[in-house]
């Protein structure tokens, strides 16, 4: 189960260094294999390969009227592997799709991660914090 936020800089080649606390889990559960694809909110989704396969199967089973969503998720998916130092290459196409250049936020979202351009994430988070909390949280005590 992935959770938490990490501020991570991509190197000059576009490689992301996965935080140490997540590497062991990815190694043990996915043999260092991950899949990166686009997210409709403007970030990237990063899945350990077994979790990606579950997600991919759900997407593939969608009806024809969801064909564009199949293209967005599956057509942009890139299978990659963590190198010996825990880095993974984020393709130029995926970086461009999410507006990612160097400074990023990596968010643990349970069974996958989201990778955001840091400035975009901070702006969207600030906007959400200024708005009203959705009704789904009405039974939570904060």
N, C-alpha and C. Protein backbone atom coordinates (compact mmCIF):
# COMPACT_ATOMS: atom_id res chain seq x y z
N UNK A 1 0.84 -1.17 0.00
CA UNK A 1 0.00 0.00 0.00
C UNK A 1 0.89 1.24 0.00
N UNK A 2 0.77 2.05 -1.00
CA UNK A 2 1.60 3.24 -1.13
C UNK A 2 0.84 4.46 -0.62
N UNK A 3 1.53 5.27 0.17
CA UNK A 3 0.95 6.52 0.64
C UNK A 3 2.08 7.50 0.89
N UNK A 4 1.70 8.76 1.01
CA UNK A 4 2.67 9.80 1.28
C UNK A 4 3.10 10.54 0.03
N UNK A 5 3.68 11.71 0.25
CA UNK A 5 4.15 12.57 -0.85
C UNK A 5 5.65 12.73 -0.76
N UNK A 6 6.29 12.74 -1.93
CA UNK A 6 7.73 12.96 -2.01
C UNK A 6 8.01 13.97 -3.11
N UNK A 7 8.82 14.95 -2.79
CA UNK A 7 9.29 15.90 -3.80
C UNK A 7 10.53 15.28 -4.44
N UNK A 8 10.46 15.05 -5.74
CA UNK A 8 11.54 14.34 -6.44
C UNK A 8 11.90 15.10 -7.71
N UNK A 9 13.20 15.26 -7.95
CA UNK A 9 13.67 15.90 -9.19
C UNK A 9 14.05 14.84 -10.20
N UNK A 10 13.62 15.01 -11.44
CA UNK A 10 14.08 14.14 -12.51
C UNK A 10 15.50 14.55 -12.88
N UNK A 11 16.31 13.59 -13.28
CA UNK A 11 17.66 13.94 -13.72
C UNK A 11 17.62 14.43 -15.17
N UNK A 12 18.77 14.77 -15.72
CA UNK A 12 18.86 15.34 -17.07
C UNK A 12 18.32 14.40 -18.14
N UNK A 13 18.33 13.09 -17.87
CA UNK A 13 17.84 12.10 -18.84
C UNK A 13 16.35 11.79 -18.65
N UNK A 14 15.71 12.42 -17.66
CA UNK A 14 14.30 12.18 -17.41
C UNK A 14 14.04 10.99 -16.51
N UNK A 15 15.04 10.62 -15.71
CA UNK A 15 14.87 9.49 -14.81
C UNK A 15 14.37 9.95 -13.44
N UNK A 16 13.45 9.17 -12.89
CA UNK A 16 12.87 9.40 -11.58
C UNK A 16 13.52 8.42 -10.61
N UNK A 17 14.02 8.93 -9.50
CA UNK A 17 14.57 8.07 -8.46
C UNK A 17 13.44 7.75 -7.47
N UNK A 18 13.02 6.50 -7.46
CA UNK A 18 11.92 6.09 -6.59
C UNK A 18 12.40 6.14 -5.14
N UNK A 19 11.65 6.80 -4.26
CA UNK A 19 12.07 6.87 -2.85
C UNK A 19 12.32 5.48 -2.26
N UNK A 20 13.34 5.39 -1.44
CA UNK A 20 13.77 4.12 -0.86
C UNK A 20 12.64 3.36 -0.19
N UNK A 21 11.76 4.07 0.49
CA UNK A 21 10.69 3.38 1.23
C UNK A 21 9.74 2.61 0.31
N UNK A 22 9.72 2.94 -0.98
CA UNK A 22 8.84 2.25 -1.92
C UNK A 22 9.57 1.19 -2.74
N UNK A 23 10.89 1.28 -2.84
CA UNK A 23 11.66 0.36 -3.69
C UNK A 23 11.51 -1.09 -3.28
N UNK A 24 11.59 -1.36 -1.97
CA UNK A 24 11.50 -2.74 -1.50
C UNK A 24 10.17 -3.36 -1.85
N UNK A 25 9.10 -2.60 -1.73
CA UNK A 25 7.77 -3.11 -2.06
C UNK A 25 7.68 -3.42 -3.55
N UNK A 26 8.17 -2.50 -4.38
CA UNK A 26 8.13 -2.72 -5.83
C UNK A 26 9.00 -3.91 -6.22
N UNK A 27 10.14 -4.04 -5.58
CA UNK A 27 11.02 -5.18 -5.85
C UNK A 27 10.34 -6.49 -5.47
N UNK A 28 9.76 -6.54 -4.28
CA UNK A 28 9.16 -7.77 -3.78
C UNK A 28 7.87 -8.15 -4.49
N UNK A 29 7.05 -7.17 -4.84
CA UNK A 29 5.74 -7.48 -5.41
C UNK A 29 5.70 -7.43 -6.93
N UNK A 30 6.68 -6.75 -7.54
CA UNK A 30 6.61 -6.56 -9.00
C UNK A 30 7.95 -6.83 -9.70
N UNK A 31 8.91 -7.40 -8.99
CA UNK A 31 10.20 -7.71 -9.60
C UNK A 31 10.81 -6.49 -10.29
N UNK A 32 10.63 -5.31 -9.68
CA UNK A 32 11.14 -4.02 -10.18
C UNK A 32 10.50 -3.57 -11.49
N UNK A 33 9.39 -4.18 -11.87
CA UNK A 33 8.71 -3.82 -13.11
C UNK A 33 7.51 -2.94 -12.81
N UNK A 34 7.43 -1.81 -13.52
CA UNK A 34 6.30 -0.90 -13.35
C UNK A 34 5.77 -0.48 -14.71
N UNK A 35 4.60 0.09 -14.69
CA UNK A 35 3.99 0.63 -15.90
C UNK A 35 3.56 2.06 -15.60
N UNK A 36 3.86 2.97 -16.53
CA UNK A 36 3.51 4.38 -16.40
C UNK A 36 2.54 4.74 -17.52
N UNK A 37 1.49 5.46 -17.17
CA UNK A 37 0.53 5.90 -18.18
C UNK A 37 -0.06 7.25 -17.78
N UNK A 38 -0.86 7.78 -18.67
CA UNK A 38 -1.49 9.09 -18.43
C UNK A 38 -2.68 8.97 -17.50
N UNK A 39 -2.94 10.05 -16.80
CA UNK A 39 -4.11 10.18 -15.93
C UNK A 39 -4.94 11.34 -16.48
N UNK A 40 -6.26 11.24 -16.49
CA UNK A 40 -7.07 12.31 -17.07
C UNK A 40 -6.99 13.64 -16.34
N UNK A 41 -6.44 13.67 -15.13
CA UNK A 41 -6.32 14.93 -14.39
C UNK A 41 -5.03 15.68 -14.69
N UNK A 42 -4.21 15.16 -15.61
CA UNK A 42 -3.01 15.88 -16.03
C UNK A 42 -1.73 15.43 -15.37
N UNK A 43 -1.76 14.29 -14.72
CA UNK A 43 -0.54 13.74 -14.13
C UNK A 43 -0.27 12.38 -14.77
N UNK A 44 0.68 11.66 -14.23
CA UNK A 44 0.95 10.30 -14.68
C UNK A 44 0.60 9.32 -13.57
N UNK A 45 0.20 8.13 -13.96
CA UNK A 45 -0.05 7.05 -13.00
C UNK A 45 1.09 6.05 -13.13
N UNK A 46 1.61 5.61 -11.99
CA UNK A 46 2.70 4.64 -11.98
C UNK A 46 2.23 3.44 -11.17
N UNK A 47 2.18 2.28 -11.84
CA UNK A 47 1.69 1.05 -11.22
C UNK A 47 2.80 0.01 -11.11
N UNK A 48 2.90 -0.71 -9.99
CA UNK A 48 3.68 -1.95 -10.01
C UNK A 48 2.99 -2.86 -11.04
N UNK A 49 3.76 -3.63 -11.80
CA UNK A 49 3.18 -4.37 -12.93
C UNK A 49 1.96 -5.22 -12.57
N UNK A 50 1.93 -5.98 -11.47
CA UNK A 50 0.70 -6.75 -11.18
C UNK A 50 -0.53 -5.86 -10.99
N UNK A 51 -0.36 -4.70 -10.39
CA UNK A 51 -1.50 -3.78 -10.22
C UNK A 51 -1.92 -3.20 -11.56
N UNK A 52 -0.95 -2.90 -12.43
CA UNK A 52 -1.26 -2.42 -13.76
C UNK A 52 -2.09 -3.46 -14.51
N UNK A 53 -1.70 -4.72 -14.42
CA UNK A 53 -2.41 -5.76 -15.15
C UNK A 53 -3.87 -5.85 -14.72
N UNK A 54 -4.14 -5.69 -13.42
CA UNK A 54 -5.53 -5.65 -12.94
C UNK A 54 -6.27 -4.45 -13.51
N UNK A 55 -5.63 -3.28 -13.46
CA UNK A 55 -6.24 -2.05 -13.98
C UNK A 55 -6.47 -2.17 -15.49
N UNK A 56 -5.45 -2.65 -16.22
CA UNK A 56 -5.56 -2.82 -17.67
C UNK A 56 -6.71 -3.74 -18.04
N UNK A 57 -6.88 -4.83 -17.30
CA UNK A 57 -7.97 -5.76 -17.59
C UNK A 57 -9.33 -5.09 -17.41
N UNK A 58 -9.46 -4.25 -16.39
CA UNK A 58 -10.71 -3.52 -16.17
C UNK A 58 -10.96 -2.53 -17.30
N UNK A 59 -9.93 -1.84 -17.75
CA UNK A 59 -10.07 -0.88 -18.85
C UNK A 59 -10.42 -1.61 -20.15
N UNK A 60 -9.74 -2.72 -20.41
CA UNK A 60 -9.98 -3.47 -21.65
C UNK A 60 -11.42 -3.98 -21.73
N UNK A 61 -12.04 -4.23 -20.60
CA UNK A 61 -13.41 -4.76 -20.57
C UNK A 61 -14.48 -3.69 -20.74
N UNK A 62 -14.08 -2.43 -20.80
CA UNK A 62 -15.06 -1.36 -20.96
C UNK A 62 -15.72 -1.45 -22.34
N UNK A 63 -16.96 -0.94 -22.46
CA UNK A 63 -17.66 -0.99 -23.75
C UNK A 63 -17.03 -0.05 -24.78
N UNK A 64 -17.46 -0.20 -26.01
CA UNK A 64 -16.90 0.59 -27.12
C UNK A 64 -17.08 2.09 -26.94
N UNK A 65 -18.11 2.53 -26.22
CA UNK A 65 -18.28 3.97 -26.05
C UNK A 65 -17.22 4.58 -25.13
N UNK A 66 -16.36 3.74 -24.56
CA UNK A 66 -15.23 4.21 -23.75
C UNK A 66 -13.90 4.06 -24.50
N UNK A 67 -13.99 3.90 -25.81
CA UNK A 67 -12.79 3.62 -26.61
C UNK A 67 -11.69 4.69 -26.43
N UNK A 68 -12.07 5.95 -26.34
CA UNK A 68 -11.05 6.99 -26.17
C UNK A 68 -10.35 6.85 -24.83
N UNK A 69 -11.07 6.43 -23.80
CA UNK A 69 -10.43 6.23 -22.50
C UNK A 69 -9.48 5.04 -22.55
N UNK A 70 -9.84 4.02 -23.31
CA UNK A 70 -8.92 2.89 -23.51
C UNK A 70 -7.64 3.38 -24.18
N UNK A 71 -7.81 4.24 -25.18
CA UNK A 71 -6.63 4.79 -25.87
C UNK A 71 -5.76 5.61 -24.93
N UNK A 72 -6.40 6.44 -24.09
CA UNK A 72 -5.65 7.29 -23.17
C UNK A 72 -4.86 6.45 -22.18
N UNK A 73 -5.50 5.46 -21.57
CA UNK A 73 -4.82 4.65 -20.56
C UNK A 73 -3.88 3.61 -21.17
N UNK A 74 -4.39 2.79 -22.07
CA UNK A 74 -3.59 1.69 -22.60
C UNK A 74 -2.66 2.13 -23.72
N UNK A 75 -3.12 3.05 -24.55
CA UNK A 75 -2.30 3.49 -25.67
C UNK A 75 -1.09 4.30 -25.26
N UNK A 76 -1.11 4.86 -24.07
CA UNK A 76 0.03 5.64 -23.57
C UNK A 76 0.87 4.89 -22.55
N UNK A 77 0.49 3.66 -22.24
CA UNK A 77 1.19 2.90 -21.20
C UNK A 77 2.59 2.49 -21.67
N UNK A 78 3.55 2.67 -20.77
CA UNK A 78 4.94 2.27 -21.02
C UNK A 78 5.39 1.35 -19.91
N UNK A 79 5.85 0.15 -20.28
CA UNK A 79 6.42 -0.78 -19.32
C UNK A 79 7.90 -0.45 -19.14
N UNK A 80 8.31 -0.27 -17.90
CA UNK A 80 9.70 0.06 -17.59
C UNK A 80 10.15 -0.73 -16.37
N UNK A 81 11.44 -0.69 -16.11
CA UNK A 81 12.01 -1.41 -14.98
C UNK A 81 12.92 -0.50 -14.18
N UNK A 82 12.85 -0.61 -12.86
CA UNK A 82 13.77 0.15 -12.02
C UNK A 82 15.18 -0.37 -12.25
N UNK A 83 16.14 0.55 -12.38
CA UNK A 83 17.52 0.12 -12.55
C UNK A 83 18.11 -0.23 -11.19
N UNK A 84 19.38 -0.57 -11.16
CA UNK A 84 20.04 -1.01 -9.94
C UNK A 84 20.07 0.03 -8.83
N UNK A 85 19.90 1.30 -9.18
CA UNK A 85 19.90 2.36 -8.17
C UNK A 85 18.49 2.88 -7.87
N UNK A 86 17.46 2.17 -8.36
CA UNK A 86 16.08 2.55 -8.06
C UNK A 86 15.53 3.66 -8.93
N UNK A 87 16.15 3.88 -10.09
CA UNK A 87 15.65 4.91 -11.00
C UNK A 87 14.84 4.28 -12.12
N UNK A 88 13.93 5.07 -12.65
CA UNK A 88 13.12 4.63 -13.78
C UNK A 88 13.03 5.78 -14.78
N UNK A 89 13.14 5.45 -16.04
CA UNK A 89 13.05 6.46 -17.10
C UNK A 89 11.59 6.76 -17.39
N UNK A 90 11.24 8.05 -17.32
CA UNK A 90 9.91 8.52 -17.71
C UNK A 90 10.07 9.05 -19.13
N UNK A 91 9.37 8.45 -20.07
CA UNK A 91 9.57 8.79 -21.48
C UNK A 91 9.28 10.27 -21.75
N UNK A 92 9.94 10.82 -22.78
CA UNK A 92 9.67 12.22 -23.14
C UNK A 92 8.20 12.46 -23.48
N UNK A 93 7.54 11.48 -24.10
CA UNK A 93 6.14 11.63 -24.47
C UNK A 93 5.25 11.76 -23.23
N UNK A 94 5.51 10.93 -22.25
CA UNK A 94 4.71 10.99 -21.02
C UNK A 94 5.02 12.25 -20.22
N UNK A 95 6.29 12.63 -20.18
CA UNK A 95 6.64 13.88 -19.47
C UNK A 95 5.93 15.06 -20.11
N UNK A 96 5.93 15.10 -21.44
CA UNK A 96 5.27 16.20 -22.15
C UNK A 96 3.76 16.19 -21.89
N UNK A 97 3.16 15.00 -21.88
CA UNK A 97 1.71 14.89 -21.67
C UNK A 97 1.30 15.43 -20.31
N UNK A 98 2.17 15.30 -19.30
CA UNK A 98 1.85 15.76 -17.96
C UNK A 98 2.51 17.09 -17.62
N UNK A 99 3.20 17.70 -18.59
CA UNK A 99 3.86 18.98 -18.34
C UNK A 99 4.99 18.88 -17.34
N UNK A 100 5.61 17.72 -17.26
CA UNK A 100 6.69 17.50 -16.30
C UNK A 100 8.03 17.81 -16.94
N UNK A 101 8.80 18.66 -16.26
CA UNK A 101 10.14 18.95 -16.74
C UNK A 101 11.19 18.43 -15.77
N UNK A 102 11.24 18.96 -14.56
CA UNK A 102 12.26 18.52 -13.62
C UNK A 102 11.71 18.27 -12.22
N UNK A 103 11.06 19.26 -11.64
CA UNK A 103 10.57 19.16 -10.26
C UNK A 103 9.20 18.49 -10.24
N UNK A 104 9.08 17.41 -9.46
CA UNK A 104 7.84 16.64 -9.42
C UNK A 104 7.39 16.36 -7.99
N UNK A 105 6.14 15.93 -7.90
CA UNK A 105 5.59 15.39 -6.66
C UNK A 105 5.14 13.96 -6.96
N UNK A 106 5.62 13.02 -6.16
CA UNK A 106 5.22 11.62 -6.28
C UNK A 106 4.31 11.32 -5.10
N UNK A 107 3.07 10.94 -5.41
CA UNK A 107 2.06 10.70 -4.37
C UNK A 107 1.67 9.23 -4.34
N UNK A 108 1.77 8.61 -3.16
CA UNK A 108 1.27 7.25 -2.99
C UNK A 108 -0.24 7.27 -2.92
N UNK A 109 -0.88 6.49 -3.78
CA UNK A 109 -2.34 6.50 -3.87
C UNK A 109 -2.94 5.11 -3.63
N UNK A 110 -2.33 4.36 -2.73
CA UNK A 110 -2.82 3.01 -2.44
C UNK A 110 -2.08 1.99 -3.28
N UNK A 111 -2.69 1.56 -4.38
CA UNK A 111 -2.06 0.53 -5.20
C UNK A 111 -1.21 1.09 -6.34
N UNK A 112 -1.12 2.41 -6.43
CA UNK A 112 -0.31 3.04 -7.49
C UNK A 112 0.17 4.41 -6.99
N UNK A 113 0.93 5.08 -7.83
CA UNK A 113 1.41 6.43 -7.55
C UNK A 113 0.85 7.38 -8.59
N UNK A 114 0.80 8.66 -8.23
CA UNK A 114 0.61 9.72 -9.21
C UNK A 114 1.89 10.53 -9.24
N UNK A 115 2.31 10.91 -10.44
CA UNK A 115 3.48 11.76 -10.61
C UNK A 115 3.02 13.06 -11.26
N UNK A 116 3.22 14.16 -10.53
CA UNK A 116 2.76 15.48 -10.96
C UNK A 116 3.94 16.41 -11.19
N UNK A 117 3.78 17.32 -12.12
CA UNK A 117 4.65 18.49 -12.16
C UNK A 117 4.41 19.21 -10.84
N UNK A 118 5.49 19.57 -10.14
CA UNK A 118 5.36 20.11 -8.78
C UNK A 118 4.52 21.39 -8.73
N UNK A 119 4.78 22.32 -9.63
CA UNK A 119 4.04 23.59 -9.61
C UNK A 119 2.56 23.36 -9.92
N UNK A 120 2.26 22.47 -10.85
CA UNK A 120 0.87 22.15 -11.18
C UNK A 120 0.17 21.54 -9.98
N UNK A 121 0.83 20.58 -9.33
CA UNK A 121 0.24 19.95 -8.16
C UNK A 121 -0.04 20.96 -7.06
N UNK A 122 0.93 21.80 -6.77
CA UNK A 122 0.76 22.78 -5.69
C UNK A 122 -0.40 23.73 -5.98
N UNK A 123 -0.53 24.14 -7.24
CA UNK A 123 -1.64 25.04 -7.61
C UNK A 123 -2.99 24.33 -7.47
N UNK A 124 -3.08 23.08 -7.92
CA UNK A 124 -4.35 22.34 -7.83
C UNK A 124 -4.69 22.01 -6.38
N UNK A 125 -3.67 21.71 -5.58
CA UNK A 125 -3.92 21.43 -4.17
C UNK A 125 -4.42 22.69 -3.46
N UNK A 126 -3.81 23.82 -3.75
CA UNK A 126 -4.24 25.08 -3.13
C UNK A 126 -5.67 25.41 -3.53
N UNK A 127 -6.02 25.18 -4.78
CA UNK A 127 -7.39 25.43 -5.24
C UNK A 127 -8.38 24.53 -4.51
N UNK A 128 -8.01 23.25 -4.35
CA UNK A 128 -8.89 22.32 -3.64
C UNK A 128 -9.06 22.73 -2.18
N UNK A 129 -8.01 23.19 -1.56
CA UNK A 129 -8.07 23.59 -0.15
C UNK A 129 -8.94 24.83 0.05
N UNK A 130 -9.02 25.68 -0.97
CA UNK A 130 -9.87 26.88 -0.88
C UNK A 130 -11.34 26.55 -1.08
N UNK A 131 -11.60 25.42 -1.74
CA UNK A 131 -12.99 25.04 -2.02
C UNK A 131 -13.63 24.31 -0.86
N UNK A 132 -14.86 23.89 -1.09
CA UNK A 132 -15.58 23.14 -0.07
C UNK A 132 -15.25 21.67 -0.18
N UNK A 133 -15.18 21.01 0.95
CA UNK A 133 -14.92 19.59 0.98
C UNK A 133 -16.15 18.85 0.44
N UNK A 134 -15.96 17.84 -0.42
CA UNK A 134 -17.10 17.10 -0.97
C UNK A 134 -17.92 16.41 0.13
N UNK A 135 -19.18 16.18 -0.16
CA UNK A 135 -20.10 15.55 0.80
C UNK A 135 -19.65 14.15 1.23
N UNK A 136 -18.87 13.47 0.42
CA UNK A 136 -18.43 12.12 0.78
C UNK A 136 -17.65 12.11 2.09
N UNK A 137 -17.17 13.29 2.52
CA UNK A 137 -16.41 13.38 3.77
C UNK A 137 -17.27 13.81 4.96
N UNK A 138 -18.57 13.89 4.79
CA UNK A 138 -19.43 14.43 5.85
C UNK A 138 -19.38 13.59 7.13
N UNK A 139 -19.09 12.30 7.03
CA UNK A 139 -19.04 11.45 8.21
C UNK A 139 -17.65 11.36 8.84
N UNK A 140 -16.69 12.04 8.25
CA UNK A 140 -15.34 12.08 8.81
C UNK A 140 -15.27 13.19 9.86
N UNK A 141 -14.50 12.98 10.90
CA UNK A 141 -14.30 14.06 11.86
C UNK A 141 -12.88 14.56 11.71
N UNK A 142 -12.75 15.85 11.44
CA UNK A 142 -11.45 16.47 11.25
C UNK A 142 -11.18 17.45 12.36
